[in-house]
Amino acid sequence: MPKLLPIVMQKNNNDHLGLTFSQMKKAARRFEKRCEGWLQEDAEAYVLQHQDPTGEEAVKNVLHTQNQAAAARRLAA
């Protein structure tokens, strides 16, 4: 069993992600493989620092791209 599985399970329950046990195991294994050689605390910090539950960062990136495209159109005219 992956060591990060309890953390992934807790995240799934807290955020109502609807992942199956198999999906959680696969995700935990992927995180562990990505974090091989790190201390357990560092691996947990790495996984938790990349969360964006509201999608706010994704929206900001899309709006930034749209604003750049609009500015390019204005300058071209």
Protein backbone atom coordinates (compact mmCIF):
# COMPACT_ATOMS: atom_id res chain seq x y z
CA MET A 1 0.00 0.00 0.00
CA PRO A 2 1.28 3.50 -0.80
CA LYS A 3 2.26 5.57 2.23
CA LEU A 4 0.50 8.67 0.92
CA LEU A 5 -2.79 6.81 0.48
CA PRO A 6 -4.29 8.04 3.79
CA ILE A 7 -3.57 11.65 2.79
CA VAL A 8 -5.15 11.16 -0.64
CA MET A 9 -8.16 9.47 0.98
CA GLN A 10 -8.56 12.33 3.45
CA LYS A 11 -8.33 14.90 0.63
CA ASN A 12 -10.93 12.92 -1.35
CA ASN A 13 -13.33 12.88 1.61
CA ASN A 14 -12.81 16.53 2.59
CA ASP A 15 -13.24 17.91 -0.93
CA HIS A 16 -15.86 15.38 -2.13
CA LEU A 17 -13.79 14.47 -5.20
CA GLY A 18 -15.62 11.21 -5.79
CA LEU A 19 -12.51 9.13 -6.50
CA THR A 20 -12.67 5.36 -6.27
CA PHE A 21 -10.26 3.45 -4.06
CA SER A 22 -8.36 2.32 -7.14
CA GLN A 23 -7.98 5.91 -8.39
CA MET A 24 -6.77 7.04 -4.97
CA LYS A 25 -4.18 4.24 -4.87
CA LYS A 26 -2.92 5.17 -8.33
CA ALA A 27 -2.68 8.85 -7.40
CA ALA A 28 -0.81 8.05 -4.18
CA ARG A 29 1.64 5.83 -6.09
CA ARG A 30 2.23 8.56 -8.68
CA PHE A 31 2.92 11.14 -5.97
CA GLU A 32 5.29 8.77 -4.20
CA LYS A 33 7.14 7.98 -7.42
CA ARG A 34 7.46 11.70 -8.16
CA CYS A 35 8.71 12.35 -4.64
CA GLU A 36 11.13 9.39 -4.35
CA GLY A 37 14.18 10.23 -2.32
CA TRP A 38 12.50 13.04 -0.42
CA LEU A 39 11.59 12.92 3.23
CA GLN A 40 7.97 11.98 3.91
CA GLU A 41 7.23 15.47 5.25
CA ASP A 42 8.60 17.04 2.08
CA ALA A 43 6.49 14.75 -0.11
CA GLU A 44 3.34 15.73 1.77
CA ALA A 45 4.21 19.42 1.50
CA TYR A 46 4.83 19.03 -2.24
CA VAL A 47 1.47 17.38 -2.79
CA LEU A 48 -0.43 19.87 -0.66
CA GLN A 49 1.19 23.01 -2.10
CA HIS A 50 -0.13 22.27 -5.60
CA GLN A 51 -3.80 22.26 -4.71
CA ASP A 52 -6.15 24.78 -6.27
CA PRO A 53 -9.60 23.68 -5.06
CA THR A 54 -11.43 26.73 -6.41
CA GLY A 55 -9.72 26.77 -9.81
CA GLU A 56 -8.80 30.40 -9.19
CA GLU A 57 -5.31 30.04 -10.67
CA ALA A 58 -6.70 28.42 -13.83
CA VAL A 59 -9.21 31.24 -14.30
CA LYS A 60 -6.48 33.82 -13.80
CA ASN A 61 -4.36 32.14 -16.49
CA VAL A 62 -7.25 32.05 -18.98
CA LEU A 63 -8.15 35.70 -18.38
CA HIS A 64 -4.51 36.71 -18.75
CA THR A 65 -4.35 34.95 -22.13
CA GLN A 66 -7.60 36.60 -23.26
CA ASN A 67 -6.37 40.02 -22.17
CA GLN A 68 -3.14 39.57 -24.12
CA ALA A 69 -5.09 38.54 -27.24
CA ALA A 70 -7.40 41.57 -26.90
CA ALA A 71 -4.43 43.91 -26.49
CA ALA A 72 -2.79 42.44 -29.60
CA ARG A 73 -5.99 42.99 -31.60
CA ARG A 74 -6.21 46.61 -30.45
CA LEU A 75 -2.60 47.27 -31.38
CA ALA A 76 -3.01 45.63 -34.77
CA ALA A 77 -5.98 47.85 -35.71
